[in-house]
Amino acid sequence: MKLRKCARLLLALTPLLAGCGNFWAPPSGSSGSGTTPTTLSSGYFYVINKATSQLVAYDINSGTLNQIGAYTLAAAPAAIAIAPKGNFLYVSTLAGIYLYSIGSGGALTVGNSGGVVSSDPASAIAVDVSGSWLVDAVQGTSGVTVNATPITSSGTYTGAAVGTQSFSNANAAIYQMVISSDDDHVFVALGTGGTMVVPFTSGNANPLSSTATLIGVTTTGGSALSVAVDPSLRLFYIGESLASGGTTGGLRVYNYSSLGGTLTQASGSPIASGGLAPHAILPTASGDYVYVANGTGATSAGNITGFSITSTNGTYTVAKNSTVSTGILPNGLAEDSTANFVLAVCEGGSSDLEAYIFDTTTAGQLDSTITSTTGTDPTEAISVAAVAP
């Protein structure tokens, strides 16, 4: 089963850098069918660590983690994004946004003569589907500024005017940003400030619209923590705390076609996400399933809850499908380029990064197959991006 091709991953997680003994280990037991060590291999994926200001390249080779290379950053990183063609990536730091080219073996080479492509200290970044724009979101004292830097086919700044729009939102705290696969909308999860949807036109000199749709949180005090778009553009998703009965996290599922008019939700939405904090959402390429990574408390194991999406006469319905355990406070989900692994990254506990495969007998179920045991967590979070399938 292949997962979505857009917004391959922007995940927060904790300590997984070089020097950790027994970094990957198979789980010590089984739960459900297919929970066994794997001999599968992955594509390349990249981890940033705020505590050490490092960027590390990895792949999984026959079930074993392989470090391709480690790279020291100029400043503490905040976000990472890979271009749609998988040939280069960006890392946003406190000093600006840096460019790296991705070699045939996954190794990285710093680009732009080592200088920043943009001086923006962005909290979230993404490359549009056309590969023409580096889009970033910067949090201010009274709102959010979204910038679009024009880039060449090799990822460097073209020198043309940078598109920029500022949006007032006193409650904004930037969590995630994604661009829809038709290049028409930029979605930004803004915590208690809700979810902002900015129209986007890649052919314009400034691709960003000056007006945006703001989707408020379901319950006062709740936070929009994650956002995703169905690759087939049937639906888009928002993960919010307090969205289910005002007491627990929830998944909100909207018809993508309702953007620009009266927003409509799928039947069953919002639906309990499976925990308190739905920090990541990963739809499948078919749109038949969507997975949500949930935190359940600062000392409790989290989970990934799967949901099925069905359509009857054009009406979509979301329903809970399956659940698998993770480490403490899972913050992100991704798939690798081979579509062999779903990766979950966690903020707490000894189980920091886990890999799952799709169950061969139960549709939509994930089976835990590899678990990292890196020991004590650092105080800073990590983000990871995987090359797209």
Protein backbone atom coordinates (compact mmCIF):
# COMPACT_ATOMS: atom_id res chain seq x y z
CA MET A 1 0.00 0.00 0.00
CA LYS A 2 1.53 3.33 -1.02
CA LEU A 3 1.07 6.47 1.02
CA ARG A 4 0.63 10.08 0.00
CA LYS A 5 3.21 11.76 -2.20
CA CYS A 6 2.72 15.28 -0.90
CA ALA A 7 4.27 16.77 2.21
CA ARG A 8 6.33 13.63 2.65
CA LEU A 9 7.04 14.47 6.15
CA LEU A 10 7.72 17.10 8.62
CA LEU A 11 7.90 15.38 11.94
CA ALA A 12 9.00 16.27 15.39
CA LEU A 13 10.78 13.60 17.40
CA THR A 14 13.55 13.04 19.87
CA PRO A 15 17.07 11.72 20.02
CA LEU A 16 18.23 9.61 17.13
CA LEU A 17 21.70 10.59 16.07
CA ALA A 18 25.00 8.80 15.53
CA GLY A 19 26.64 7.14 18.48
CA CYS A 20 23.51 5.55 19.96
CA GLY A 21 24.02 1.90 20.72
CA ASN A 22 21.38 -0.56 19.49
CA PHE A 23 19.69 2.26 17.64
CA TRP A 24 17.30 -0.10 15.88
CA ALA A 25 16.01 -3.22 17.54
CA PRO A 26 13.08 -5.52 16.75
CA PRO A 27 10.23 -5.41 19.24
CA SER A 28 10.46 -7.89 22.08
CA GLY A 29 7.05 -9.40 21.49
CA SER A 30 4.15 -9.64 19.08
CA SER A 31 0.82 -7.90 18.94
CA GLY A 32 -1.53 -8.73 16.13
CA SER A 33 -0.39 -10.56 13.01
CA GLY A 34 2.87 -9.82 11.26
CA THR A 35 4.66 -8.18 14.22
CA THR A 36 8.10 -9.63 13.43
CA PRO A 37 11.57 -8.39 12.49
CA THR A 38 11.80 -7.37 8.85
CA THR A 39 14.36 -7.79 6.06
CA LEU A 40 12.85 -4.96 4.03
CA SER A 41 14.90 -1.94 2.98
CA SER A 42 13.89 1.71 2.75
CA GLY A 43 14.68 4.81 0.78
CA TYR A 44 16.63 7.73 2.21
CA PHE A 45 15.40 9.83 5.10
CA TYR A 46 16.88 12.76 6.98
CA VAL A 47 16.83 13.74 10.64
CA ILE A 48 17.53 17.13 12.22
CA ASN A 49 18.39 17.55 15.89
CA LYS A 50 17.93 20.91 17.61
CA ALA A 51 20.05 20.05 20.61
CA THR A 52 23.13 19.17 18.55
CA SER A 53 22.37 21.30 15.44
CA GLN A 54 22.90 18.29 13.18
CA LEU A 55 21.40 16.93 9.97
CA VAL A 56 21.84 13.17 9.53
CA ALA A 57 21.12 11.02 6.48
CA TYR A 58 19.86 7.44 6.95
CA ASP A 59 18.33 4.47 5.24
CA ILE A 60 17.22 1.01 6.43
CA ASN A 61 19.18 -1.81 4.83
CA SER A 62 17.61 -5.26 5.26
CA GLY A 63 16.00 -4.22 8.54
CA THR A 64 19.07 -2.45 9.94
CA LEU A 65 19.56 1.30 10.23
CA ASN A 66 22.43 2.64 8.11
CA GLN A 67 23.87 6.11 8.67
CA ILE A 68 24.83 7.63 5.34
CA GLY A 69 26.34 10.81 6.75
CA ALA A 70 26.12 13.48 9.45
CA TYR A 71 26.28 17.23 8.80
CA THR A 72 26.75 20.11 11.25
CA LEU A 73 24.35 23.02 10.82
CA ALA A 74 25.15 26.70 11.30
CA ALA A 75 22.39 27.12 13.90
CA ALA A 76 19.64 25.19 15.67
CA PRO A 77 17.18 23.80 13.08
CA ALA A 78 13.40 24.15 13.16
CA ALA A 79 12.07 22.41 10.03
CA ILE A 80 13.04 20.36 6.98
CA ALA A 81 11.49 19.89 3.54
CA ILE A 82 12.41 17.84 0.47
CA ALA A 83 11.69 19.02 -3.09
CA PRO A 84 9.04 17.02 -5.01
CA LYS A 85 11.65 15.44 -7.32
CA GLY A 86 13.75 14.32 -4.37
CA ASN A 87 16.94 15.99 -5.64
CA PHE A 88 17.48 18.54 -2.88
CA LEU A 89 16.26 19.52 0.57
CA TYR A 90 16.04 22.61 2.76
CA VAL A 91 16.67 23.02 6.47
CA SER A 92 15.23 26.01 8.30
CA THR A 93 17.36 27.29 11.18
CA LEU A 94 17.49 30.31 13.42
CA ALA A 95 20.05 31.75 10.95
CA GLY A 96 17.88 31.19 7.85
CA ILE A 97 17.10 28.42 5.35
CA TYR A 98 19.94 26.31 3.93
CA LEU A 99 20.02 24.17 0.78
CA TYR A 100 21.47 20.65 0.35
CA SER A 101 21.59 18.54 -2.80
CA ILE A 102 20.80 14.83 -2.47
CA GLY A 103 23.25 12.49 -4.19
CA SER A 104 22.53 9.11 -5.76
CA GLY A 105 23.46 7.30 -2.53
CA GLY A 106 21.49 9.69 -0.33
CA ALA A 107 24.56 11.68 0.76
CA LEU A 108 24.15 15.46 1.06
CA THR A 109 26.19 18.35 -0.33
CA VAL A 110 25.60 21.86 0.96
CA GLY A 111 24.38 24.15 -1.83
CA ASN A 112 24.32 27.86 -2.57
CA SER A 113 28.02 28.11 -1.63
CA GLY A 114 27.05 27.43 1.96
CA GLY A 115 24.93 30.57 2.27
CA VAL A 116 21.25 30.85 3.14
CA VAL A 117 18.65 30.72 0.37
CA SER A 118 16.39 32.80 2.59
CA SER A 119 17.15 34.66 5.82
CA ASP A 120 13.69 33.84 7.22
CA PRO A 121 13.80 32.09 10.64
CA ALA A 122 10.86 29.93 9.56
CA SER A 123 8.95 27.56 11.82
CA ALA A 124 7.61 25.56 8.84
CA ILE A 125 8.76 25.17 5.22
CA ALA A 126 7.59 23.40 2.06
CA VAL A 127 8.41 23.29 -1.66
CA ASP A 128 5.45 23.69 -3.99
CA VAL A 129 4.52 20.93 -6.44
CA SER A 130 5.88 22.84 -9.45
CA GLY A 131 9.26 23.12 -7.75
CA SER A 132 9.26 26.88 -8.37
CA TRP A 133 8.70 28.18 -4.85
CA LEU A 134 10.13 27.66 -1.39
CA VAL A 135 7.26 28.54 0.96
CA ASP A 136 7.85 29.31 4.63
CA ALA A 137 5.83 30.46 7.64
CA VAL A 138 7.28 32.82 10.23
CA GLN A 139 5.57 33.53 13.52
CA GLY A 140 5.32 37.14 14.66
CA THR A 141 4.03 38.89 17.75
CA SER A 142 0.58 39.46 16.26
CA GLY A 143 0.21 36.84 13.57
CA VAL A 144 1.91 34.86 10.82
CA THR A 145 3.85 35.89 7.73
CA VAL A 146 3.93 33.45 4.81
CA ASN A 147 6.73 33.94 2.27
CA ALA A 148 7.31 32.42 -1.18
CA THR A 149 10.89 32.53 -2.43
CA PRO A 150 11.31 31.85 -6.19
CA ILE A 151 13.83 29.05 -6.78
CA THR A 152 15.66 27.52 -9.72
CA SER A 153 15.56 23.84 -10.74
CA SER A 154 18.61 23.31 -8.52
CA GLY A 155 16.93 24.95 -5.51
CA THR A 156 18.80 28.25 -5.40
CA TYR A 157 17.15 31.67 -5.18
CA THR A 158 16.41 33.13 -8.61
CA GLY A 159 16.89 36.74 -7.51
CA ALA A 160 13.32 37.71 -8.39
CA ALA A 161 10.96 39.34 -5.89
CA VAL A 162 9.91 37.23 -2.91
CA GLY A 163 6.14 36.91 -2.48
CA THR A 164 4.95 37.67 1.03
CA GLN A 165 1.66 38.03 2.90
CA SER A 166 1.04 38.74 6.58
CA PHE A 167 -2.04 37.55 8.44
CA SER A 168 -3.17 38.82 11.84
CA ASN A 169 -3.82 36.08 14.40
CA ALA A 170 -3.04 36.88 18.01
CA ASN A 171 -3.32 33.21 19.03
CA ALA A 172 -1.13 31.77 16.29
CA ALA A 173 1.56 29.20 17.06
CA ILE A 174 2.88 27.50 13.94
CA TYR A 175 2.82 23.68 14.08
CA GLN A 176 2.68 22.34 10.52
CA MET A 177 2.34 23.48 6.92
CA VAL A 178 1.44 21.54 3.76
CA ILE A 179 0.72 22.45 0.14
CA SER A 180 -2.08 20.65 -1.72
CA SER A 181 -1.09 18.43 -4.65
CA ASP A 182 -2.84 20.74 -7.14
CA ASP A 183 -0.64 23.63 -5.92
CA ASP A 184 -3.79 25.63 -5.13
CA HIS A 185 -3.68 25.97 -1.34
CA VAL A 186 -1.23 26.32 1.54
CA PHE A 187 -2.52 24.92 4.87
CA VAL A 188 -0.99 26.00 8.19
CA ALA A 189 -1.93 24.54 11.59
CA LEU A 190 -1.77 27.43 14.09
CA GLY A 191 -2.55 25.91 17.48
CA THR A 192 -5.27 27.80 19.34
CA GLY A 193 -5.33 30.16 16.35
CA GLY A 194 -7.02 27.42 14.27
CA THR A 195 -6.05 26.37 10.74
CA MET A 196 -5.29 28.87 7.99
CA VAL A 197 -5.80 28.09 4.30
CA VAL A 198 -4.08 30.46 1.86
CA PRO A 199 -4.93 30.30 -1.87
CA PHE A 200 -1.79 29.72 -3.96
CA THR A 201 -1.12 30.28 -7.69
CA SER A 202 2.37 29.17 -8.72
CA GLY A 203 2.26 31.10 -12.02
CA ASN A 204 1.82 34.49 -10.34
CA ALA A 205 4.69 36.83 -9.48
CA ASN A 206 3.42 36.60 -5.90
CA PRO A 207 1.73 33.18 -5.65
CA LEU A 208 0.17 33.91 -2.25
CA SER A 209 -3.32 35.38 -1.93
CA SER A 210 -3.74 38.37 0.37
CA THR A 211 -6.82 36.76 1.92
CA ALA A 212 -7.08 33.43 3.71
CA THR A 213 -9.74 31.14 5.13
CA LEU A 214 -9.45 30.60 8.88
CA ILE A 215 -10.96 27.44 10.31
CA GLY A 216 -11.42 28.00 14.03
CA VAL A 217 -10.86 25.26 16.59
CA THR A 218 -13.80 23.05 17.48
CA THR A 219 -13.60 23.75 21.22
CA THR A 220 -12.31 26.85 22.99
CA GLY A 221 -8.90 26.03 24.39
CA GLY A 222 -8.24 23.38 21.76
CA SER A 223 -5.30 23.55 19.36
CA ALA A 224 -4.84 22.71 15.68
CA LEU A 225 -1.72 20.53 15.84
CA SER A 226 -1.56 18.88 12.43
CA VAL A 227 -2.88 19.17 8.89
CA ALA A 228 -2.84 16.98 5.77
CA VAL A 229 -4.44 16.79 2.34
CA ASP A 230 -5.72 13.70 0.53
CA PRO A 231 -3.41 13.27 -2.54
CA SER A 232 -6.48 12.72 -4.74
CA LEU A 233 -7.90 16.01 -3.39
CA ARG A 234 -11.15 14.53 -2.13
CA LEU A 235 -10.56 15.57 1.49
CA PHE A 236 -8.32 17.50 3.84
CA TYR A 237 -7.66 16.74 7.49
CA ILE A 238 -7.04 18.69 10.70
CA GLY A 239 -5.84 17.14 13.96
CA GLU A 240 -7.01 19.08 17.03
CA SER A 241 -6.85 18.67 20.77
CA LEU A 242 -10.30 18.81 22.45
CA ALA A 243 -12.02 18.26 19.10
CA SER A 244 -13.94 15.19 20.28
CA GLY A 245 -16.55 16.10 22.87
CA GLY A 246 -14.29 18.86 24.17
CA THR A 247 -12.30 16.33 26.18
CA THR A 248 -9.89 14.51 23.85
CA GLY A 249 -8.16 14.87 20.50
CA GLY A 250 -10.09 14.56 17.28
CA LEU A 251 -9.68 14.24 13.52
CA ARG A 252 -11.67 16.73 11.43
CA VAL A 253 -12.30 15.61 7.85
CA TYR A 254 -13.42 18.19 5.28
CA ASN A 255 -14.45 18.00 1.64
CA TYR A 256 -11.65 19.65 -0.33
CA SER A 257 -14.14 20.87 -2.95
CA SER A 258 -15.90 22.97 -0.29
CA LEU A 259 -12.92 25.33 0.04
CA GLY A 260 -13.88 28.79 -1.13
CA GLY A 261 -17.49 28.25 -0.09
CA THR A 262 -19.31 26.77 2.87
CA LEU A 263 -16.99 24.17 4.39
CA THR A 264 -18.54 20.72 4.73
CA GLN A 265 -17.29 17.81 6.81
CA ALA A 266 -17.41 14.10 6.07
CA SER A 267 -19.97 12.01 7.92
CA GLY A 268 -18.58 11.02 11.33
CA SER A 269 -16.31 14.08 11.56
CA PRO A 270 -14.97 15.16 13.97
CA ILE A 271 -14.04 11.71 15.24
CA ALA A 272 -11.97 10.83 18.31
CA SER A 273 -8.38 10.55 17.10
CA GLY A 274 -7.32 8.00 19.72
CA GLY A 275 -5.51 10.27 22.16
CA LEU A 276 -5.11 13.74 23.60
CA ALA A 277 -2.74 15.28 21.04
CA PRO A 278 -3.04 14.34 17.33
CA HIS A 279 0.35 15.69 16.22
CA ALA A 280 0.58 14.01 12.80
CA ILE A 281 -1.73 12.82 10.01
CA LEU A 282 -0.79 10.52 7.13
CA PRO A 283 -3.34 9.66 4.39
CA THR A 284 -2.78 6.78 1.97
CA ALA A 285 -2.39 7.53 -1.73
CA SER A 286 -5.71 5.82 -2.47
CA GLY A 287 -7.46 7.92 0.14
CA ASP A 288 -9.02 4.77 1.62
CA TYR A 289 -7.15 5.06 4.92
CA VAL A 290 -5.70 7.84 7.06
CA TYR A 291 -3.44 7.42 10.10
CA VAL A 292 -3.18 9.74 13.11
CA ALA A 293 -0.30 9.75 15.63
CA ASN A 294 -1.60 10.55 19.12
CA GLY A 295 0.01 11.45 22.39
CA THR A 296 -1.84 10.19 25.47
CA GLY A 297 0.19 11.88 28.21
CA ALA A 298 3.73 12.85 29.20
CA THR A 299 4.56 9.40 30.59
CA SER A 300 2.18 7.13 28.67
CA ALA A 301 2.64 5.24 25.41
CA GLY A 302 1.02 6.89 22.43
CA ASN A 303 -0.58 5.28 19.43
CA ILE A 304 -1.28 5.41 15.74
CA THR A 305 -4.99 5.13 15.04
CA GLY A 306 -6.11 4.20 11.54
CA PHE A 307 -9.36 5.36 9.96
CA SER A 308 -11.18 4.13 6.88
CA ILE A 309 -12.65 6.57 4.37
CA THR A 310 -15.62 5.39 2.32
CA SER A 311 -17.77 7.11 -0.26
CA THR A 312 -21.43 6.52 -1.07
CA ASN A 313 -23.00 8.61 -3.82
CA GLY A 314 -20.37 11.29 -3.31
CA THR A 315 -20.77 11.43 0.49
CA TYR A 316 -17.64 10.57 2.45
CA THR A 317 -17.68 8.77 5.80
CA VAL A 318 -14.81 8.41 8.29
CA ALA A 319 -14.71 5.50 10.74
CA LYS A 320 -12.11 4.09 13.15
CA ASN A 321 -10.29 1.08 11.76
CA SER A 322 -7.32 -0.06 13.91
CA THR A 323 -4.81 1.07 16.55
CA VAL A 324 -1.15 0.24 17.20
CA SER A 325 1.03 1.40 20.10
CA THR A 326 3.96 3.83 19.81
CA GLY A 327 6.44 5.39 22.19
CA ILE A 328 5.58 8.36 24.40
CA LEU A 329 4.27 11.52 22.71
CA PRO A 330 4.47 10.61 19.01
CA ASN A 331 4.95 13.79 17.00
CA GLY A 332 5.17 12.71 13.38
CA LEU A 333 4.47 10.14 10.68
CA ALA A 334 6.13 9.49 7.33
CA GLU A 335 6.57 6.90 4.64
CA ASP A 336 9.81 6.06 2.93
CA SER A 337 10.23 6.13 -0.86
CA THR A 338 9.77 2.37 -1.27
CA ALA A 339 6.45 2.50 0.62
CA ASN A 340 7.78 -0.36 2.78
CA PHE A 341 7.80 1.57 6.05
CA VAL A 342 5.62 3.95 7.99
CA LEU A 343 7.86 5.79 10.46
CA ALA A 344 6.65 7.24 13.74
CA VAL A 345 8.77 9.61 15.80
CA CYS A 346 8.22 10.19 19.49
CA GLU A 347 9.17 12.94 21.92
CA GLY A 348 9.52 10.89 25.06
CA GLY A 349 10.58 7.54 26.43
CA SER A 350 13.14 4.98 25.27
CA SER A 351 11.16 4.06 22.16
CA ASP A 352 11.95 7.12 20.06
CA LEU A 353 11.49 6.01 16.47
CA GLU A 354 9.47 3.06 15.24
CA ALA A 355 8.85 1.49 11.86
CA TYR A 356 5.64 -0.22 10.82
CA ILE A 357 4.66 -2.34 7.86
CA PHE A 358 1.20 -2.99 6.43
CA ASP A 359 -0.47 -6.16 7.64
CA THR A 360 -0.88 -8.65 4.81
CA THR A 361 -4.19 -10.05 6.01
CA THR A 362 -6.05 -7.17 7.67
CA ALA A 363 -6.54 -4.21 5.37
CA GLY A 364 -5.35 -0.92 6.80
CA GLN A 365 -3.68 -2.40 9.90
CA LEU A 366 -0.11 -1.42 10.77
CA ASP A 367 2.27 -3.96 12.34
CA SER A 368 5.21 -2.82 14.45
CA THR A 369 8.41 -4.26 13.02
CA ILE A 370 11.37 -2.12 14.20
CA THR A 371 11.80 -0.09 17.37
CA SER A 372 14.61 2.25 18.37
CA THR A 373 15.89 2.16 21.95
CA THR A 374 18.17 5.16 22.31
CA GLY A 375 17.93 5.78 26.07
CA THR A 376 17.53 9.18 27.70
CA ASP A 377 15.93 11.82 25.49
CA PRO A 378 17.50 15.23 24.81
CA THR A 379 15.49 18.32 25.65
CA GLU A 380 15.14 19.44 22.02
CA ALA A 381 12.92 17.89 19.36
CA ILE A 382 13.98 16.34 16.06
CA SER A 383 12.34 16.52 12.64
CA VAL A 384 12.67 14.04 9.80
CA ALA A 385 11.90 14.12 6.08
CA ALA A 386 11.80 11.19 3.68
CA VAL A 387 12.37 11.19 -0.07
CA ALA A 388 9.03 10.73 -1.82
CA PRO A 389 7.94 7.52 -3.54
